Amino acid sequence: MKHFTRTLIAAGMIAMTACSANADAPPKELKATLAKKLGQPVDSVRETPIKGLYEVVLGKRHIVYSDAKGEYVVVGDMVNVGTKKSLTEARMAELNKTDFAKLPFADAIKEVRGTGKRQLVVFSDPDCPFCKRLEQQSLAGIDNVTIHTFLMPLAGLHPDAARKSELIWCAEDRTKAWQDFMHQGNLPTGGKTQCDNPVARSIKLGESLGINGTPALIFADGQIVSGAIPKEEIEKIFATQK
C-alpha cells in the first residue's frame, strides 16, 4: 500500500455526508472486488460514519477506506472533528488486541512484584536502548504486578542480541540475569552458555501478533502498546483493566 498517498479524512469536514444514520451497508461484492484489484486478501469491509465510504481491513491489522465500487482507496486517519479523536486509531487498537490468556507464558521470563495481581507482557530486546529505558524508568517503580518478558532480539538492528538473550535465558536465575543486564549491563557468567530456549519461538510469536519493534507491551485486556511509554501511562492503562 506504499504507493497510496496518505490522506487525512475528517468526519464532519464533509458536511453533507457526516451523519452516521445515513451510512450504507457495504455492497456484497465490494470485498471480492477490492481483493482482486489490490491483489491481496481483504479481511473485512464495513460502513463508516461517512456515507458511501467503507472501512477495509487488510492483513488483519491494516486499515484503508474505499468507495462503494472499489475504484478509489484512501489511506490515512479518519478523525471526528468534534471530539478530536481518530476513529482509525480506535479501530486499530481493537484489531491489535490479542487473547492474553492464550500467550505461552512458559516461554517468558517471569517477575512477580508485591501481590503480582496486575499482569503485563513485554516483548524486549536486550540490546534495544528503548527497552532499557522502559526497564529503568517506566517499570522500575511499578509494584503489585507480574511481568512476563518474551525475549525478541532484532537481529537486523542488534546482531549480538540473540546470543545475549540465550545467555540470560540459560542462567540459573533468569529473572535476576535479565534485571542485572538491563540495569547494570552485566551478563551472567559461570553458567550455561547454551540450553533449550524459546528465543526463536518468541520472535515468531511477536511477528504473528504484528509486533515489529521493541519494546511492546500487552495488557491483560489484550491491547498491544508499542514503545517505552512512561510509568504514568502504564498505570493509567492498568486502572482501566477489569
Protein backbone atom coordinates (compact mmCIF):
# COMPACT_ATOMS: atom_id res chain seq x y z
CA MET A 1 0.00 0.00 0.00
CA LYS A 2 3.03 2.30 -0.08
CA HIS A 3 2.03 3.74 -3.46
CA PHE A 4 -1.09 5.34 -1.99
CA THR A 5 -0.85 8.92 -0.81
CA ARG A 6 -1.60 9.30 2.89
CA THR A 7 -4.70 11.43 3.37
CA LEU A 8 -6.49 12.87 6.38
CA ILE A 9 -10.22 12.17 6.42
CA ALA A 10 -12.09 14.37 8.88
CA ALA A 11 -15.54 13.10 9.77
CA GLY A 12 -17.59 16.23 9.84
CA MET A 13 -15.50 18.12 7.26
CA ILE A 14 -17.67 16.59 4.58
CA ALA A 15 -20.82 18.20 5.90
CA MET A 16 -23.34 16.60 3.59
CA THR A 17 -22.18 13.05 4.39
CA ALA A 18 -21.14 13.25 8.03
CA CYS A 19 -24.21 11.70 9.64
CA SER A 20 -23.78 8.07 10.66
CA ALA A 21 -27.51 7.48 10.31
CA ASN A 22 -27.08 7.84 6.54
CA ALA A 23 -24.30 5.25 6.26
CA ASP A 24 -24.99 2.45 3.79
CA ALA A 25 -24.28 -1.23 4.30
CA PRO A 26 -21.26 -2.22 2.18
CA PRO A 27 -22.12 -3.77 -1.18
CA LYS A 28 -21.76 -7.56 -1.05
CA GLU A 29 -19.35 -7.60 -3.96
CA LEU A 30 -17.03 -4.87 -2.62
CA LYS A 31 -14.84 -7.25 -0.62
CA ALA A 32 -14.19 -9.50 -3.62
CA THR A 33 -13.67 -6.52 -5.93
CA LEU A 34 -11.04 -4.98 -3.68
CA ALA A 35 -9.26 -8.28 -3.11
CA LYS A 36 -8.94 -8.71 -6.87
CA LYS A 37 -7.83 -5.14 -7.56
CA LEU A 38 -5.41 -4.90 -4.64
CA GLY A 39 -4.03 -8.38 -5.17
CA GLN A 40 -4.32 -9.40 -1.53
CA PRO A 41 -6.93 -10.85 0.82
CA VAL A 42 -9.48 -8.49 2.35
CA ASP A 43 -10.39 -9.45 5.91
CA SER A 44 -13.46 -7.30 6.31
CA VAL A 45 -15.46 -4.40 4.90
CA ARG A 46 -17.85 -2.31 6.95
CA GLU A 47 -19.60 1.05 6.84
CA THR A 48 -18.14 4.25 8.29
CA PRO A 49 -19.89 7.40 9.57
CA ILE A 50 -19.36 8.90 6.11
CA LYS A 51 -21.99 7.82 3.59
CA GLY A 52 -20.51 5.89 0.68
CA LEU A 53 -17.12 5.37 2.36
CA TYR A 54 -16.21 1.95 3.75
CA GLU A 55 -13.56 0.69 6.14
CA VAL A 56 -11.43 -2.08 4.63
CA VAL A 57 -9.19 -4.27 6.79
CA LEU A 58 -6.17 -5.85 5.10
CA GLY A 59 -3.72 -8.29 6.64
CA LYS A 60 -5.81 -8.33 9.84
CA ARG A 61 -4.25 -5.10 11.12
CA HIS A 62 -4.13 -2.56 8.27
CA ILE A 63 -6.99 -0.15 7.55
CA VAL A 64 -7.79 1.70 4.33
CA TYR A 65 -11.03 3.26 3.09
CA SER A 66 -12.86 2.67 -0.18
CA ASP A 67 -15.79 3.97 -2.20
CA ALA A 68 -18.72 1.64 -2.87
CA LYS A 69 -17.37 0.47 -6.23
CA GLY A 70 -13.81 -0.16 -5.12
CA GLU A 71 -12.48 2.36 -7.62
CA TYR A 72 -10.65 4.51 -5.08
CA VAL A 73 -8.76 3.71 -1.89
CA VAL A 74 -7.79 6.27 0.74
CA VAL A 75 -5.03 5.67 3.30
CA GLY A 76 -4.97 7.73 6.47
CA ASP A 77 -6.77 8.67 9.66
CA MET A 78 -10.48 9.26 9.92
CA VAL A 79 -10.85 11.94 12.59
CA ASN A 80 -14.02 13.12 14.30
CA VAL A 81 -13.56 16.89 14.29
CA GLY A 82 -15.97 17.39 17.19
CA THR A 83 -14.23 15.01 19.59
CA LYS A 84 -10.74 15.38 18.04
CA LYS A 85 -10.45 11.58 18.21
CA SER A 86 -9.17 9.30 15.49
CA LEU A 87 -11.67 6.61 14.55
CA THR A 88 -8.86 4.84 12.72
CA GLU A 89 -6.64 4.65 15.79
CA ALA A 90 -9.51 3.36 17.92
CA ARG A 91 -10.27 0.66 15.37
CA MET A 92 -6.58 -0.26 15.06
CA ALA A 93 -6.38 -0.70 18.83
CA GLU A 94 -9.37 -3.03 18.61
CA LEU A 95 -7.82 -5.05 15.79
CA ASN A 96 -4.46 -5.27 17.56
CA LYS A 97 -5.86 -6.90 20.67
CA THR A 98 -4.84 -10.48 21.39
CA ASP A 99 -6.07 -13.21 23.73
CA PHE A 100 -3.83 -12.59 26.73
CA ALA A 101 -4.71 -15.88 28.44
CA LYS A 102 -3.52 -17.90 25.43
CA LEU A 103 0.00 -16.48 25.36
CA PRO A 104 2.73 -19.13 26.02
CA PHE A 105 3.84 -17.79 29.40
CA ALA A 106 6.25 -20.69 29.91
CA ASP A 107 8.41 -19.05 27.23
CA ALA A 108 8.68 -15.80 29.17
CA ILE A 109 10.89 -14.56 31.99
CA LYS A 110 8.57 -14.12 34.95
CA GLU A 111 8.98 -11.46 37.62
CA VAL A 112 6.47 -11.09 40.46
CA ARG A 113 6.37 -7.85 42.44
CA GLY A 114 4.24 -7.39 45.55
CA THR A 115 0.91 -9.13 45.15
CA GLY A 116 1.60 -9.75 41.47
CA LYS A 117 -2.09 -9.18 40.82
CA ARG A 118 -1.73 -6.98 37.76
CA GLN A 119 -0.47 -8.70 34.62
CA LEU A 120 1.83 -7.31 31.94
CA VAL A 121 3.64 -8.86 28.99
CA VAL A 122 6.69 -7.20 27.47
CA PHE A 123 8.45 -8.14 24.25
CA SER A 124 12.02 -6.96 24.66
CA ASP A 125 15.47 -7.00 23.07
CA PRO A 126 18.48 -6.89 25.45
CA ASP A 127 20.38 -4.54 23.15
CA CYS A 128 17.45 -2.20 22.49
CA PRO A 129 18.07 1.20 24.16
CA PHE A 130 14.35 1.88 24.39
CA CYS A 131 13.85 -1.46 26.15
CA LYS A 132 16.46 -0.42 28.71
CA ARG A 133 14.65 2.88 29.15
CA LEU A 134 11.40 1.04 29.75
CA GLU A 135 13.02 -1.19 32.37
CA GLN A 136 15.00 1.53 34.13
CA GLN A 137 12.49 4.39 34.06
CA SER A 138 8.97 3.10 33.42
CA LEU A 139 8.79 -0.34 35.02
CA ALA A 140 11.21 0.24 37.89
CA GLY A 141 8.67 1.92 40.16
CA ILE A 142 5.64 -0.25 39.38
CA ASP A 143 4.54 -2.64 42.12
CA ASN A 144 1.92 -5.37 42.58
CA VAL A 145 2.48 -6.65 39.08
CA THR A 146 3.61 -9.84 37.35
CA ILE A 147 5.78 -9.04 34.33
CA HIS A 148 6.23 -11.70 31.65
CA THR A 149 9.16 -10.81 29.37
CA PHE A 150 9.40 -12.50 25.98
CA LEU A 151 12.89 -12.20 24.53
CA MET A 152 12.62 -10.86 20.99
CA PRO A 153 16.10 -9.96 19.71
CA LEU A 154 16.03 -7.97 16.48
CA ALA A 155 18.96 -9.40 14.54
CA GLY A 156 18.82 -6.74 11.84
CA LEU A 157 19.44 -4.00 14.39
CA HIS A 158 21.34 -5.82 17.13
CA PRO A 159 23.44 -8.73 15.79
CA ASP A 160 24.56 -9.87 19.25
CA ALA A 161 21.15 -9.67 20.91
CA ALA A 162 20.20 -13.30 20.19
CA ARG A 163 23.36 -14.58 21.92
CA LYS A 164 22.72 -12.38 24.94
CA SER A 165 19.07 -13.47 25.05
CA GLU A 166 20.12 -17.12 25.16
CA LEU A 167 22.71 -16.46 27.87
CA ILE A 168 20.12 -14.72 30.01
CA TRP A 169 17.52 -17.44 29.47
CA CYS A 170 20.02 -20.20 30.29
CA ALA A 171 21.10 -18.54 33.57
CA GLU A 172 20.27 -20.33 36.81
CA ASP A 173 18.10 -17.36 37.81
CA ARG A 174 16.96 -15.87 34.52
CA THR A 175 14.82 -13.20 36.19
CA LYS A 176 17.85 -11.86 38.08
CA ALA A 177 20.03 -12.24 34.98
CA TRP A 178 17.58 -10.13 32.97
CA GLN A 179 17.43 -7.40 35.58
CA ASP A 180 21.21 -7.40 36.05
CA PHE A 181 21.78 -6.91 32.36
CA MET A 182 19.08 -4.34 31.73
CA HIS A 183 20.04 -2.24 34.77
CA GLN A 184 23.80 -2.79 35.12
CA GLY A 185 24.82 -4.28 31.77
CA ASN A 186 26.15 -7.45 33.43
CA LEU A 187 25.71 -10.71 31.57
CA PRO A 188 25.62 -13.96 33.57
CA THR A 189 28.94 -15.76 33.96
CA GLY A 190 29.93 -19.23 35.01
CA GLY A 191 26.66 -20.79 33.92
CA LYS A 192 25.35 -22.40 30.79
CA THR A 193 26.05 -20.64 27.53
CA GLN A 194 23.55 -22.78 25.64
CA CYS A 195 20.36 -24.60 26.57
CA ASP A 196 16.92 -25.38 25.20
CA ASN A 197 15.47 -21.89 24.89
CA PRO A 198 12.34 -20.24 23.44
CA VAL A 199 14.02 -17.26 21.76
CA ALA A 200 13.22 -18.32 18.19
CA ARG A 201 9.63 -19.12 19.20
CA SER A 202 9.24 -15.75 20.89
CA ILE A 203 10.41 -13.95 17.76
CA LYS A 204 7.81 -15.80 15.68
CA LEU A 205 5.16 -15.14 18.31
CA GLY A 206 5.86 -11.43 18.27
CA GLU A 207 5.70 -11.33 14.49
CA SER A 208 2.39 -13.22 14.50
CA LEU A 209 0.97 -10.56 16.83
CA GLY A 210 2.04 -7.78 14.49
CA ILE A 211 4.93 -6.68 16.71
CA ASN A 212 7.79 -5.42 14.56
CA GLY A 213 9.71 -3.40 17.10
CA THR A 214 10.67 -3.43 20.75
CA PRO A 215 9.63 -2.79 23.39
CA ALA A 216 5.99 -3.78 23.00
CA LEU A 217 3.62 -4.20 25.92
CA ILE A 218 0.50 -6.35 26.13
CA PHE A 219 -2.01 -5.69 28.89
CA ALA A 220 -4.48 -8.14 30.40
CA ASP A 221 -7.33 -6.92 28.20
CA GLY A 222 -5.26 -7.86 25.15
CA GLN A 223 -4.33 -4.40 23.94
CA ILE A 224 -0.84 -4.02 22.49
CA VAL A 225 1.07 -0.80 23.07
CA SER A 226 4.36 -0.08 21.32
CA GLY A 227 7.28 1.86 22.70
CA ALA A 228 8.88 2.83 26.00
CA ILE A 229 5.79 4.52 27.34
CA PRO A 230 6.15 6.35 30.69
CA LYS A 231 5.20 4.87 34.05
CA GLU A 232 2.21 7.22 34.30
CA GLU A 233 0.74 5.89 31.07
CA ILE A 234 1.23 2.28 32.16
CA GLU A 235 -0.54 2.99 35.45
CA LYS A 236 -3.34 4.74 33.59
CA ILE A 237 -3.90 1.68 31.39
CA PHE A 238 -3.75 -0.61 34.42
CA ALA A 239 -6.50 1.48 36.01
CA THR A 240 -8.81 0.71 33.07
CA GLN A 241 -8.32 -3.04 33.29
CA LYS A 242 -11.20 -5.17 34.55
